[in-house]
Amino acid sequence: MIKGVTYLITVALLALASSLVSAYDPSPLQDFCVGINNTNSAVFVNGKFCKDPAAVTADDFFFSGLNTLANTANKVGFNVTLVNVDMLPGLNTLGISLARLDFAPYGLDPPHTHPRASEILVVVEGTLLVGFVTSNPNKLFTKVLNKGDVFAFPIGLIHFQFNIGQTNAIAFAGLNSQNPGVITIANTVFGSNPPINPDVLIKAFQVDKNVVDYLQKQF
């Protein structure tokens, strides 16, 4: 009898431990979601509200336009067409998104991160130099990709893609978030609104104030 009770207690404790181990907070789907007790004042959820299933149509899962070359006539010679939950509502709760990347000759997708997603990229035209940098001690992993090559970028790590060819380049990227987000390093550091105090940037980058002033004017 005692052995039976001991067995039942052991099973119960293991079940409880298992349930505790499997519990987790949902991954954030936006930059922040401040808690509020009064739901009448709530504006956002972590993601999007769900459409009535009876009103859902095939168009909710459809997007057209990734066959179109994006305008790359800008300072970096690069543009991206992102298909996330804002463009394709059917992606809500699915944890995926897609992007087309267009590069002019020597165009650059500048160093950036995706705070909520890893990325897998395939080159369909041209030649790209790609890479990512780990957290400290900041090791660089880099590779030259040709048509048909695939490269993966881990979540949150700074990475880049650079067209090293004399012709246009095209790539497609899959990301494991309906809203992966993007933080472009130079734009964020030197183009924030309001600007970061120049003394912070002078100390961080070990440059004089003229350099910081110049860089902030670029963004």
N, C-alpha and C. Protein backbone atom coordinates (compact mmCIF):
# COMPACT_ATOMS: atom_id res chain seq x y z
N MET A 1 0.83 -1.21 0.00
CA MET A 1 0.00 0.00 0.00
C MET A 1 0.86 1.25 0.00
N ILE A 2 1.90 1.23 0.91
CA ILE A 2 2.80 2.38 1.01
C ILE A 2 3.56 2.56 -0.30
N LYS A 3 4.01 1.42 -0.88
CA LYS A 3 4.71 1.49 -2.16
C LYS A 3 3.82 2.10 -3.23
N GLY A 4 2.53 1.72 -3.22
CA GLY A 4 1.61 2.26 -4.20
C GLY A 4 1.43 3.76 -4.06
N VAL A 5 1.30 4.22 -2.81
CA VAL A 5 1.15 5.65 -2.56
C VAL A 5 2.40 6.39 -2.98
N THR A 6 3.56 5.81 -2.63
CA THR A 6 4.84 6.43 -3.02
C THR A 6 4.95 6.55 -4.53
N TYR A 7 4.51 5.51 -5.24
CA TYR A 7 4.54 5.52 -6.70
C TYR A 7 3.66 6.63 -7.27
N LEU A 8 2.44 6.75 -6.70
CA LEU A 8 1.51 7.77 -7.18
C LEU A 8 2.05 9.18 -6.93
N ILE A 9 2.66 9.38 -5.75
CA ILE A 9 3.25 10.68 -5.43
C ILE A 9 4.38 11.01 -6.38
N THR A 10 5.23 10.00 -6.67
CA THR A 10 6.35 10.19 -7.59
C THR A 10 5.86 10.58 -8.97
N VAL A 11 4.82 9.87 -9.45
CA VAL A 11 4.25 10.18 -10.76
C VAL A 11 3.68 11.59 -10.78
N ALA A 12 2.98 11.96 -9.70
CA ALA A 12 2.37 13.29 -9.63
C ALA A 12 3.43 14.38 -9.66
N LEU A 13 4.52 14.17 -8.91
CA LEU A 13 5.61 15.15 -8.88
C LEU A 13 6.28 15.27 -10.24
N LEU A 14 6.49 14.14 -10.89
CA LEU A 14 7.10 14.16 -12.22
C LEU A 14 6.21 14.88 -13.22
N ALA A 15 4.90 14.64 -13.12
CA ALA A 15 3.96 15.31 -14.02
C ALA A 15 3.98 16.81 -13.80
N LEU A 16 4.02 17.21 -12.49
CA LEU A 16 4.06 18.63 -12.17
C LEU A 16 5.35 19.25 -12.69
N ALA A 17 6.47 18.56 -12.48
CA ALA A 17 7.76 19.08 -12.96
C ALA A 17 7.76 19.21 -14.46
N SER A 18 7.18 18.21 -15.13
CA SER A 18 7.12 18.24 -16.59
C SER A 18 6.31 19.42 -17.08
N SER A 19 5.18 19.71 -16.42
CA SER A 19 4.35 20.83 -16.85
C SER A 19 5.05 22.15 -16.62
N LEU A 20 5.84 22.23 -15.53
CA LEU A 20 6.56 23.45 -15.26
C LEU A 20 7.67 23.68 -16.27
N VAL A 21 8.34 22.60 -16.65
CA VAL A 21 9.44 22.71 -17.60
C VAL A 21 8.92 23.13 -18.97
N SER A 22 7.74 22.65 -19.35
CA SER A 22 7.23 22.94 -20.69
C SER A 22 6.58 24.31 -20.79
N ALA A 23 6.36 24.97 -19.64
CA ALA A 23 5.72 26.28 -19.68
C ALA A 23 6.71 27.33 -20.17
N TYR A 24 6.23 28.32 -20.93
CA TYR A 24 7.10 29.38 -21.42
C TYR A 24 6.27 30.58 -21.81
N ASP A 25 6.92 31.75 -21.84
CA ASP A 25 6.25 32.96 -22.30
C ASP A 25 6.20 32.96 -23.82
N PRO A 26 5.15 33.49 -24.42
CA PRO A 26 5.09 33.58 -25.88
C PRO A 26 6.15 34.54 -26.40
N SER A 27 6.73 34.22 -27.54
CA SER A 27 7.72 35.10 -28.13
C SER A 27 7.07 36.42 -28.52
N PRO A 28 7.77 37.55 -28.30
CA PRO A 28 7.19 38.84 -28.68
C PRO A 28 7.07 38.98 -30.18
N LEU A 29 5.97 39.55 -30.64
CA LEU A 29 5.73 39.74 -32.07
C LEU A 29 5.80 41.21 -32.46
N GLN A 30 6.24 42.03 -31.53
CA GLN A 30 6.43 43.46 -31.79
C GLN A 30 7.53 43.92 -30.84
N ASP A 31 7.95 45.19 -30.95
CA ASP A 31 9.07 45.67 -30.14
C ASP A 31 8.75 45.65 -28.66
N PHE A 32 7.52 46.01 -28.28
CA PHE A 32 7.12 45.94 -26.89
C PHE A 32 5.61 45.89 -26.80
N CYS A 33 5.11 45.37 -25.67
CA CYS A 33 3.67 45.30 -25.43
C CYS A 33 3.47 45.53 -23.93
N VAL A 34 3.26 46.79 -23.55
CA VAL A 34 3.16 47.18 -22.14
C VAL A 34 1.85 46.68 -21.54
N GLY A 35 1.96 45.99 -20.40
CA GLY A 35 0.79 45.44 -19.75
C GLY A 35 -0.17 46.51 -19.25
N ILE A 36 -1.46 46.22 -19.28
CA ILE A 36 -2.47 47.17 -18.81
C ILE A 36 -3.63 46.37 -18.19
N ASN A 37 -4.15 46.87 -17.07
CA ASN A 37 -5.23 46.17 -16.39
C ASN A 37 -6.60 46.50 -16.98
N ASN A 38 -6.75 47.71 -17.46
CA ASN A 38 -8.03 48.14 -18.03
C ASN A 38 -8.07 47.77 -19.51
N THR A 39 -8.77 46.69 -19.84
CA THR A 39 -8.80 46.22 -21.23
C THR A 39 -9.53 47.20 -22.15
N ASN A 40 -10.33 48.08 -21.58
CA ASN A 40 -11.02 49.07 -22.42
C ASN A 40 -10.03 50.06 -23.04
N SER A 41 -8.85 50.18 -22.41
CA SER A 41 -7.82 51.09 -22.92
C SER A 41 -6.78 50.35 -23.75
N ALA A 42 -6.93 49.03 -23.89
CA ALA A 42 -5.95 48.24 -24.64
C ALA A 42 -6.07 48.53 -26.13
N VAL A 43 -4.93 48.61 -26.80
CA VAL A 43 -4.91 48.92 -28.22
C VAL A 43 -4.36 47.76 -29.04
N PHE A 44 -3.34 47.08 -28.53
CA PHE A 44 -2.69 46.02 -29.28
C PHE A 44 -2.73 44.70 -28.51
N VAL A 45 -2.58 43.60 -29.25
CA VAL A 45 -2.30 42.31 -28.66
C VAL A 45 -0.93 41.90 -29.16
N ASN A 46 -0.38 40.80 -28.60
CA ASN A 46 0.93 40.33 -29.06
C ASN A 46 0.73 39.60 -30.38
N GLY A 47 0.65 40.37 -31.46
CA GLY A 47 0.29 39.86 -32.77
C GLY A 47 -0.89 40.66 -33.28
N LYS A 48 -1.86 40.01 -33.88
CA LYS A 48 -3.04 40.70 -34.37
C LYS A 48 -4.30 39.97 -33.92
N PHE A 49 -5.40 40.72 -33.84
CA PHE A 49 -6.69 40.09 -33.54
C PHE A 49 -7.06 39.15 -34.69
N CYS A 50 -7.79 38.10 -34.37
CA CYS A 50 -8.15 37.11 -35.38
C CYS A 50 -9.46 37.47 -36.08
N LYS A 51 -9.48 37.30 -37.37
CA LYS A 51 -10.67 37.52 -38.17
C LYS A 51 -11.67 36.38 -37.93
N ASP A 52 -12.92 36.70 -37.99
CA ASP A 52 -13.96 35.67 -37.88
C ASP A 52 -13.72 34.61 -38.96
N PRO A 53 -13.51 33.33 -38.60
CA PRO A 53 -13.24 32.29 -39.59
C PRO A 53 -14.28 32.25 -40.71
N ALA A 54 -15.51 32.60 -40.40
CA ALA A 54 -16.56 32.57 -41.43
C ALA A 54 -16.34 33.64 -42.49
N ALA A 55 -15.54 34.66 -42.16
CA ALA A 55 -15.30 35.76 -43.11
C ALA A 55 -13.98 35.62 -43.85
N VAL A 56 -13.21 34.59 -43.52
CA VAL A 56 -11.89 34.39 -44.15
C VAL A 56 -12.06 33.92 -45.59
N THR A 57 -11.22 34.46 -46.48
CA THR A 57 -11.22 34.04 -47.89
C THR A 57 -9.80 33.67 -48.31
N ALA A 58 -9.66 33.12 -49.49
CA ALA A 58 -8.35 32.75 -50.01
C ALA A 58 -7.43 33.96 -50.14
N ASP A 59 -8.02 35.13 -50.38
CA ASP A 59 -7.20 36.34 -50.52
C ASP A 59 -6.46 36.69 -49.23
N ASP A 60 -6.95 36.23 -48.10
CA ASP A 60 -6.26 36.48 -46.84
C ASP A 60 -4.92 35.76 -46.76
N PHE A 61 -4.72 34.76 -47.62
CA PHE A 61 -3.49 33.98 -47.63
C PHE A 61 -2.67 34.21 -48.90
N PHE A 62 -2.99 35.30 -49.61
CA PHE A 62 -2.40 35.54 -50.94
C PHE A 62 -1.70 36.88 -51.00
N PHE A 63 -0.55 36.90 -51.70
CA PHE A 63 0.18 38.15 -51.97
C PHE A 63 0.77 38.05 -53.36
N SER A 64 0.70 39.14 -54.11
CA SER A 64 1.25 39.16 -55.46
C SER A 64 2.24 40.31 -55.59
N GLY A 65 3.35 40.08 -56.27
CA GLY A 65 4.28 41.17 -56.51
C GLY A 65 5.74 40.84 -56.34
N LEU A 66 6.08 39.65 -55.88
CA LEU A 66 7.49 39.33 -55.67
C LEU A 66 8.25 39.07 -56.97
N ASN A 67 7.55 39.13 -58.09
CA ASN A 67 8.21 39.03 -59.39
C ASN A 67 8.71 40.39 -59.87
N THR A 68 8.41 41.45 -59.14
CA THR A 68 8.72 42.81 -59.57
C THR A 68 10.03 43.30 -58.98
N LEU A 69 10.89 43.84 -59.84
CA LEU A 69 12.16 44.41 -59.40
C LEU A 69 11.90 45.68 -58.60
N ALA A 70 12.44 45.76 -57.38
CA ALA A 70 12.27 46.94 -56.54
C ALA A 70 13.27 48.02 -56.95
N ASN A 71 12.94 49.25 -56.62
CA ASN A 71 13.79 50.39 -56.95
C ASN A 71 15.04 50.40 -56.08
N THR A 72 16.21 50.29 -56.70
CA THR A 72 17.48 50.28 -55.96
C THR A 72 18.28 51.57 -56.17
N ALA A 73 17.60 52.61 -56.68
CA ALA A 73 18.28 53.89 -56.92
C ALA A 73 18.34 54.69 -55.62
N ASN A 74 19.18 54.24 -54.70
CA ASN A 74 19.37 54.91 -53.43
C ASN A 74 20.84 54.83 -53.02
N LYS A 75 21.18 55.36 -51.87
CA LYS A 75 22.59 55.46 -51.46
C LYS A 75 23.28 54.11 -51.36
N VAL A 76 22.54 53.09 -50.96
CA VAL A 76 23.17 51.78 -50.77
C VAL A 76 22.92 50.81 -51.92
N GLY A 77 22.08 51.21 -52.89
CA GLY A 77 21.82 50.35 -54.04
C GLY A 77 21.10 49.06 -53.68
N PHE A 78 20.13 49.18 -52.79
CA PHE A 78 19.45 47.98 -52.28
C PHE A 78 18.01 48.32 -51.93
N ASN A 79 17.13 47.32 -52.08
CA ASN A 79 15.76 47.46 -51.63
C ASN A 79 15.21 46.09 -51.27
N VAL A 80 14.25 46.08 -50.36
CA VAL A 80 13.65 44.81 -49.92
C VAL A 80 12.14 44.91 -50.02
N THR A 81 11.52 43.84 -50.50
CA THR A 81 10.06 43.72 -50.50
C THR A 81 9.70 42.67 -49.47
N LEU A 82 9.14 43.11 -48.35
CA LEU A 82 8.85 42.21 -47.24
C LEU A 82 7.39 41.78 -47.26
N VAL A 83 7.18 40.48 -47.13
CA VAL A 83 5.82 39.94 -47.01
C VAL A 83 5.68 39.40 -45.59
N ASN A 84 5.20 40.28 -44.71
CA ASN A 84 4.96 39.87 -43.34
C ASN A 84 3.46 39.91 -43.06
N VAL A 85 3.09 39.84 -41.81
CA VAL A 85 1.68 39.75 -41.47
C VAL A 85 0.92 41.03 -41.85
N ASP A 86 1.61 42.15 -41.96
CA ASP A 86 0.94 43.38 -42.37
C ASP A 86 0.56 43.35 -43.85
N MET A 87 1.31 42.60 -44.64
CA MET A 87 1.06 42.50 -46.07
C MET A 87 0.21 41.28 -46.42
N LEU A 88 0.29 40.25 -45.60
CA LEU A 88 -0.43 39.00 -45.86
C LEU A 88 -1.05 38.55 -44.54
N PRO A 89 -2.28 38.96 -44.24
CA PRO A 89 -2.90 38.73 -42.93
C PRO A 89 -2.96 37.26 -42.52
N GLY A 90 -3.01 36.36 -43.50
CA GLY A 90 -3.08 34.94 -43.19
C GLY A 90 -1.85 34.41 -42.47
N LEU A 91 -0.77 35.19 -42.42
CA LEU A 91 0.43 34.76 -41.70
C LEU A 91 0.28 34.87 -40.19
N ASN A 92 -0.76 35.56 -39.72
CA ASN A 92 -0.94 35.74 -38.28
C ASN A 92 -0.95 34.40 -37.56
N THR A 93 -0.09 34.25 -36.57
CA THR A 93 0.13 33.07 -35.71
C THR A 93 0.93 31.97 -36.39
N LEU A 94 1.30 32.13 -37.68
CA LEU A 94 2.02 31.05 -38.38
C LEU A 94 3.53 31.09 -38.16
N GLY A 95 4.04 32.24 -37.73
CA GLY A 95 5.46 32.31 -37.39
C GLY A 95 6.39 32.31 -38.58
N ILE A 96 5.95 32.83 -39.73
CA ILE A 96 6.80 32.87 -40.92
C ILE A 96 6.57 34.17 -41.69
N SER A 97 7.58 34.56 -42.46
CA SER A 97 7.45 35.67 -43.40
C SER A 97 8.49 35.46 -44.49
N LEU A 98 8.40 36.30 -45.53
CA LEU A 98 9.23 36.13 -46.71
C LEU A 98 9.67 37.49 -47.21
N ALA A 99 10.84 37.55 -47.85
CA ALA A 99 11.31 38.82 -48.39
C ALA A 99 12.06 38.59 -49.70
N ARG A 100 11.88 39.55 -50.62
CA ARG A 100 12.68 39.59 -51.84
C ARG A 100 13.71 40.70 -51.66
N LEU A 101 14.97 40.40 -51.96
CA LEU A 101 16.05 41.36 -51.83
C LEU A 101 16.60 41.68 -53.21
N ASP A 102 16.58 42.97 -53.58
CA ASP A 102 17.10 43.41 -54.87
C ASP A 102 18.36 44.27 -54.66
N PHE A 103 19.40 43.97 -55.42
CA PHE A 103 20.68 44.67 -55.32
C PHE A 103 21.08 45.24 -56.67
N ALA A 104 21.43 46.52 -56.69
CA ALA A 104 22.09 47.08 -57.86
C ALA A 104 23.53 46.56 -57.86
N PRO A 105 24.28 46.73 -58.95
CA PRO A 105 25.70 46.35 -58.92
C PRO A 105 26.40 47.02 -57.73
N TYR A 106 27.07 46.22 -56.94
CA TYR A 106 27.75 46.67 -55.72
C TYR A 106 26.79 47.25 -54.68
N GLY A 107 25.54 46.85 -54.76
CA GLY A 107 24.56 47.26 -53.77
C GLY A 107 24.75 46.51 -52.46
N LEU A 108 24.34 47.13 -51.37
CA LEU A 108 24.56 46.57 -50.04
C LEU A 108 23.29 46.58 -49.20
N ASP A 109 23.01 45.42 -48.59
CA ASP A 109 22.05 45.37 -47.50
C ASP A 109 22.88 45.57 -46.23
N PRO A 110 22.88 46.78 -45.66
CA PRO A 110 23.84 47.13 -44.61
C PRO A 110 23.72 46.23 -43.38
N PRO A 111 24.77 46.19 -42.57
CA PRO A 111 24.72 45.39 -41.34
C PRO A 111 23.47 45.69 -40.52
N HIS A 112 22.75 44.65 -40.17
CA HIS A 112 21.48 44.79 -39.46
C HIS A 112 21.19 43.53 -38.68
N THR A 113 20.15 43.57 -37.87
CA THR A 113 19.70 42.39 -37.15
C THR A 113 18.19 42.26 -37.29
N HIS A 114 17.70 41.05 -37.07
CA HIS A 114 16.26 40.79 -36.94
C HIS A 114 16.03 40.33 -35.50
N PRO A 115 15.44 41.17 -34.66
CA PRO A 115 15.33 40.82 -33.24
C PRO A 115 14.43 39.63 -32.94
N ARG A 116 13.56 39.27 -33.90
CA ARG A 116 12.60 38.20 -33.62
C ARG A 116 12.68 37.02 -34.59
N ALA A 117 13.75 36.93 -35.38
CA ALA A 117 13.76 35.84 -36.37
C ALA A 117 15.16 35.46 -36.81
N SER A 118 15.32 34.18 -37.08
CA SER A 118 16.46 33.70 -37.87
C SER A 118 16.07 33.85 -39.34
N GLU A 119 17.07 33.80 -40.21
CA GLU A 119 16.83 34.03 -41.63
C GLU A 119 17.56 32.98 -42.46
N ILE A 120 16.92 32.51 -43.51
CA ILE A 120 17.57 31.64 -44.47
C ILE A 120 17.42 32.28 -45.85
N LEU A 121 18.53 32.44 -46.55
CA LEU A 121 18.56 33.21 -47.79
C LEU A 121 19.04 32.34 -48.94
N VAL A 122 18.39 32.49 -50.10
CA VAL A 122 18.81 31.79 -51.31
C VAL A 122 19.03 32.83 -52.41
N VAL A 123 20.14 32.71 -53.12
CA VAL A 123 20.46 33.62 -54.22
C VAL A 123 19.86 33.05 -55.50
N VAL A 124 19.10 33.86 -56.23
CA VAL A 124 18.51 33.40 -57.49
C VAL A 124 19.14 34.09 -58.70
N GLU A 125 19.91 35.15 -58.43
CA GLU A 125 20.60 35.83 -59.52
C GLU A 125 21.77 36.64 -58.96
N GLY A 126 22.95 36.54 -59.57
CA GLY A 126 24.08 37.34 -59.15
C GLY A 126 24.97 36.64 -58.14
N THR A 127 25.88 37.42 -57.55
CA THR A 127 26.87 36.91 -56.59
C THR A 127 26.89 37.83 -55.37
N LEU A 128 26.68 37.25 -54.21
CA LEU A 128 26.63 38.03 -52.97
C LEU A 128 27.72 37.60 -52.00
N LEU A 129 28.35 38.58 -51.37
CA LEU A 129 29.20 38.33 -50.21
C LEU A 129 28.33 38.53 -48.98
N VAL A 130 28.17 37.48 -48.17
CA VAL A 130 27.30 37.56 -47.00
C VAL A 130 28.08 37.18 -45.76
N GLY A 131 27.53 37.55 -44.62
CA GLY A 131 28.18 37.15 -43.38
C GLY A 131 27.40 37.60 -42.17
N PHE A 132 27.76 37.01 -41.02
CA PHE A 132 27.21 37.45 -39.75
C PHE A 132 28.30 37.41 -38.69
N VAL A 133 28.10 38.21 -37.64
CA VAL A 133 29.06 38.31 -36.55
C VAL A 133 28.41 37.80 -35.27
N THR A 134 29.12 36.96 -34.54
CA THR A 134 28.57 36.42 -33.30
C THR A 134 28.61 37.46 -32.19
N SER A 135 27.94 37.16 -31.09
CA SER A 135 28.11 37.96 -29.88
C SER A 135 29.55 37.80 -29.41
N ASN A 136 29.95 38.57 -28.41
CA ASN A 136 31.35 38.55 -27.97
C ASN A 136 31.87 37.13 -27.86
N PRO A 137 33.02 36.83 -28.48
CA PRO A 137 34.08 37.75 -28.94
C PRO A 137 33.98 38.16 -30.41
N ASN A 138 32.79 38.26 -30.99
CA ASN A 138 32.58 38.87 -32.30
C ASN A 138 33.33 38.16 -33.44
N LYS A 139 33.07 36.87 -33.59
CA LYS A 139 33.67 36.12 -34.69
C LYS A 139 32.83 36.30 -35.96
N LEU A 140 33.50 36.54 -37.08
CA LEU A 140 32.82 36.72 -38.36
C LEU A 140 32.74 35.40 -39.12
N PHE A 141 31.54 35.06 -39.60
CA PHE A 141 31.33 33.94 -40.51
C PHE A 141 30.88 34.53 -41.85
N THR A 142 31.64 34.30 -42.90
CA THR A 142 31.34 34.94 -44.18
C THR A 142 31.53 33.97 -45.33
N LYS A 143 30.80 34.23 -46.42
CA LYS A 143 30.82 33.31 -47.57
C LYS A 143 30.40 34.07 -48.82
N VAL A 144 30.98 33.70 -49.96
CA VAL A 144 30.53 34.21 -51.25
C VAL A 144 29.48 33.25 -51.80
N LEU A 145 28.30 33.78 -52.13
CA LEU A 145 27.20 32.96 -52.62
C LEU A 145 26.93 33.24 -54.09
N ASN A 146 26.73 32.17 -54.84
CA ASN A 146 26.34 32.27 -56.24
C ASN A 146 24.92 31.76 -56.42
N LYS A 147 24.40 31.85 -57.61
CA LYS A 147 23.04 31.43 -57.90
C LYS A 147 22.78 30.02 -57.38
N GLY A 148 21.71 29.88 -56.61
CA GLY A 148 21.33 28.58 -56.06
C GLY A 148 21.91 28.28 -54.69
N ASP A 149 22.84 29.12 -54.21
CA ASP A 149 23.44 28.90 -52.89
C ASP A 149 22.53 29.41 -51.78
N VAL A 150 22.65 28.78 -50.62
CA VAL A 150 21.80 29.10 -49.47
C VAL A 150 22.69 29.39 -48.26
N PHE A 151 22.28 30.36 -47.44
CA PHE A 151 23.04 30.70 -46.23
C PHE A 151 22.04 31.04 -45.13
N ALA A 152 22.38 30.69 -43.89
CA ALA A 152 21.49 30.94 -42.74
C ALA A 152 22.11 31.97 -41.81
N PHE A 153 21.25 32.83 -41.26
CA PHE A 153 21.67 33.86 -40.31
C PHE A 153 20.91 33.64 -39.00
N PRO A 154 21.62 33.34 -37.90
CA PRO A 154 20.94 33.09 -36.62
C PRO A 154 20.23 34.33 -36.08
N ILE A 155 19.21 34.09 -35.32
CA ILE A 155 18.37 35.15 -34.77
C ILE A 155 19.18 36.17 -33.98
N GLY A 156 18.91 37.45 -34.22
CA GLY A 156 19.48 38.52 -33.42
C GLY A 156 20.90 38.92 -33.75
N LEU A 157 21.62 38.16 -34.61
CA LEU A 157 23.01 38.48 -34.89
C LEU A 157 23.12 39.47 -36.05
N ILE A 158 24.11 40.36 -35.96
CA ILE A 158 24.35 41.34 -37.02
C ILE A 158 24.82 40.61 -38.27
N HIS A 159 24.18 40.94 -39.41
CA HIS A 159 24.56 40.29 -40.67
C HIS A 159 24.39 41.27 -41.82
N PHE A 160 24.89 40.87 -42.99
CA PHE A 160 24.88 41.74 -44.16
C PHE A 160 24.88 40.90 -45.42
N GLN A 161 24.51 41.55 -46.55
CA GLN A 161 24.63 40.95 -47.88
C GLN A 161 25.13 42.05 -48.83
N PHE A 162 26.16 41.74 -49.61
CA PHE A 162 26.79 42.73 -50.48
C PHE A 162 26.95 42.14 -51.88
N ASN A 163 26.41 42.83 -52.88
CA ASN A 163 26.52 42.39 -54.27
C ASN A 163 27.93 42.73 -54.78
N ILE A 164 28.75 41.72 -54.99
CA ILE A 164 30.12 41.96 -55.44
C ILE A 164 30.25 41.82 -56.97
N GLY A 165 29.10 41.70 -57.63
CA GLY A 165 29.10 41.57 -59.08
C GLY A 165 28.80 42.87 -59.79
N GLN A 166 29.00 42.88 -61.08
CA GLN A 166 28.76 44.07 -61.90
C GLN A 166 27.35 44.10 -62.49
N THR A 167 26.54 43.13 -62.12
CA THR A 167 25.15 43.07 -62.58
C THR A 167 24.22 43.04 -61.36
N ASN A 168 22.92 43.19 -61.61
CA ASN A 168 21.96 43.12 -60.51
C ASN A 168 21.99 41.75 -59.85
N ALA A 169 21.62 41.71 -58.59
CA ALA A 169 21.50 40.45 -57.86
C ALA A 169 20.13 40.39 -57.20
N ILE A 170 19.60 39.17 -57.09
CA ILE A 170 18.29 38.96 -56.46
C ILE A 170 18.41 37.78 -55.50
N ALA A 171 17.82 37.92 -54.34
CA ALA A 171 17.78 36.82 -53.37
C ALA A 171 16.41 36.82 -52.71
N PHE A 172 16.04 35.66 -52.17
CA PHE A 172 14.82 35.53 -51.38
C PHE A 172 15.20 35.03 -50.00
N ALA A 173 14.50 35.55 -48.99
CA ALA A 173 14.80 35.17 -47.61
C ALA A 173 13.54 34.74 -46.90
N GLY A 174 13.64 33.66 -46.17
CA GLY A 174 12.56 33.21 -45.29
C GLY A 174 12.93 33.50 -43.85
N LEU A 175 11.97 33.95 -43.06
CA LEU A 175 12.21 34.30 -41.65
C LEU A 175 11.15 33.65 -40.78
N ASN A 176 11.57 33.18 -39.61
CA ASN A 176 10.63 32.43 -38.77
C ASN A 176 9.91 33.31 -37.76
N SER A 177 9.32 34.38 -38.28
CA SER A 177 8.44 35.24 -37.49
C SER A 177 7.49 35.93 -38.44
N GLN A 178 6.25 36.15 -38.00
CA GLN A 178 5.31 36.89 -38.83
C GLN A 178 5.66 38.37 -38.87
N ASN A 179 6.50 38.82 -37.92
CA ASN A 179 6.95 40.21 -37.85
C ASN A 179 8.38 40.23 -37.32
N PRO A 180 9.36 39.89 -38.19
CA PRO A 180 10.74 39.71 -37.72
C PRO A 180 11.41 40.98 -37.21
N GLY A 181 10.97 42.14 -37.70
CA GLY A 181 11.61 43.38 -37.32
C GLY A 181 13.00 43.51 -37.94
N VAL A 182 13.49 44.73 -38.04
CA VAL A 182 14.84 44.95 -38.55
C VAL A 182 15.44 46.15 -37.84
N ILE A 183 16.69 46.00 -37.42
CA ILE A 183 17.45 47.09 -36.82
C ILE A 183 18.70 47.27 -37.67
N THR A 184 18.72 48.32 -38.49
CA THR A 184 19.89 48.62 -39.31
C THR A 184 20.86 49.42 -38.44
N ILE A 185 22.06 48.89 -38.25
CA ILE A 185 22.96 49.40 -37.22
C ILE A 185 23.29 50.88 -37.41
N ALA A 186 23.76 51.27 -38.60
CA ALA A 186 24.16 52.66 -38.82
C ALA A 186 22.98 53.60 -38.64
N ASN A 187 21.84 53.25 -39.22
CA ASN A 187 20.65 54.11 -39.11
C ASN A 187 20.21 54.26 -37.66
N THR A 188 20.28 53.16 -36.92
CA THR A 188 19.83 53.18 -35.53
C THR A 188 20.75 54.01 -34.65
N VAL A 189 22.05 53.82 -34.81
CA VAL A 189 23.01 54.50 -33.94
C VAL A 189 23.13 55.98 -34.28
N PHE A 190 23.18 56.29 -35.59
CA PHE A 190 23.43 57.67 -35.99
C PHE A 190 22.17 58.41 -36.47
N GLY A 191 21.05 57.71 -36.58
CA GLY A 191 19.85 58.35 -37.07
C GLY A 191 18.66 58.24 -36.15
N SER A 192 18.88 57.93 -34.87
CA SER A 192 17.76 57.79 -33.95
C SER A 192 17.07 59.13 -33.74
N ASN A 193 15.82 59.06 -33.29
CA ASN A 193 15.04 60.28 -33.05
C ASN A 193 14.42 60.20 -31.66
N PRO A 194 14.87 61.06 -30.72
CA PRO A 194 15.89 62.09 -30.87
C PRO A 194 17.29 61.48 -30.97
N PRO A 195 18.28 62.26 -31.41
CA PRO A 195 19.63 61.72 -31.59
C PRO A 195 20.25 61.28 -30.28
N ILE A 196 21.10 60.26 -30.37
CA ILE A 196 21.89 59.85 -29.21
C ILE A 196 22.89 60.96 -28.90
N ASN A 197 23.10 61.21 -27.62
CA ASN A 197 24.06 62.23 -27.20
C ASN A 197 25.42 61.97 -27.86
N PRO A 198 25.97 62.97 -28.58
CA PRO A 198 27.25 62.78 -29.28
C PRO A 198 28.37 62.28 -28.38
N ASP A 199 28.35 62.68 -27.09
CA ASP A 199 29.41 62.23 -26.18
C ASP A 199 29.40 60.71 -26.04
N VAL A 200 28.22 60.14 -26.09
CA VAL A 200 28.10 58.68 -26.01
C VAL A 200 28.76 58.03 -27.23
N LEU A 201 28.48 58.57 -28.42
CA LEU A 201 29.02 58.01 -29.66
C LEU A 201 30.51 58.26 -29.78
N ILE A 202 30.98 59.42 -29.33
CA ILE A 202 32.41 59.72 -29.36
C ILE A 202 33.17 58.71 -28.51
N LYS A 203 32.65 58.42 -27.34
CA LYS A 203 33.30 57.47 -26.44
C LYS A 203 33.21 56.05 -26.97
N ALA A 204 32.04 55.69 -27.49
CA ALA A 204 31.81 54.31 -27.95
C ALA A 204 32.66 53.97 -29.17
N PHE A 205 32.76 54.90 -30.11
CA PHE A 205 33.45 54.63 -31.37
C PHE A 205 34.88 55.17 -31.39
N GLN A 206 35.27 55.86 -30.30
CA GLN A 206 36.64 56.39 -30.19
C GLN A 206 37.00 57.26 -31.38
N VAL A 207 36.11 58.20 -31.72
CA VAL A 207 36.35 59.16 -32.80
C VAL A 207 36.07 60.56 -32.26
N ASP A 208 36.47 61.57 -33.03
CA ASP A 208 36.22 62.93 -32.53
C ASP A 208 34.82 63.39 -32.92
N LYS A 209 34.41 64.54 -32.38
CA LYS A 209 33.06 65.03 -32.54
C LYS A 209 32.71 65.34 -34.00
N ASN A 210 33.69 65.77 -34.78
CA ASN A 210 33.43 66.09 -36.19
C ASN A 210 32.96 64.86 -36.96
N VAL A 211 33.54 63.72 -36.63
CA VAL A 211 33.15 62.48 -37.30
C VAL A 211 31.72 62.11 -36.92
N VAL A 212 31.40 62.21 -35.65
CA VAL A 212 30.04 61.89 -35.19
C VAL A 212 29.03 62.84 -35.81
N ASP A 213 29.34 64.14 -35.84
CA ASP A 213 28.44 65.11 -36.44
C ASP A 213 28.19 64.78 -37.91
N TYR A 214 29.25 64.41 -38.61
CA TYR A 214 29.13 64.08 -40.04
C TYR A 214 28.23 62.85 -40.23
N LEU A 215 28.47 61.83 -39.43
CA LEU A 215 27.69 60.60 -39.58
C LEU A 215 26.22 60.82 -39.23
N GLN A 216 25.95 61.62 -38.21
CA GLN A 216 24.55 61.87 -37.84
C GLN A 216 23.82 62.64 -38.95
N LYS A 217 24.53 63.45 -39.68
CA LYS A 217 23.91 64.20 -40.79
C LYS A 217 23.56 63.29 -41.96
N GLN A 218 24.20 62.12 -42.05
CA GLN A 218 23.93 61.20 -43.16
C GLN A 218 22.62 60.45 -42.99
N PHE A 219 22.11 60.44 -41.76
CA PHE A 219 20.91 59.64 -41.49
C PHE A 219 19.79 60.50 -40.94
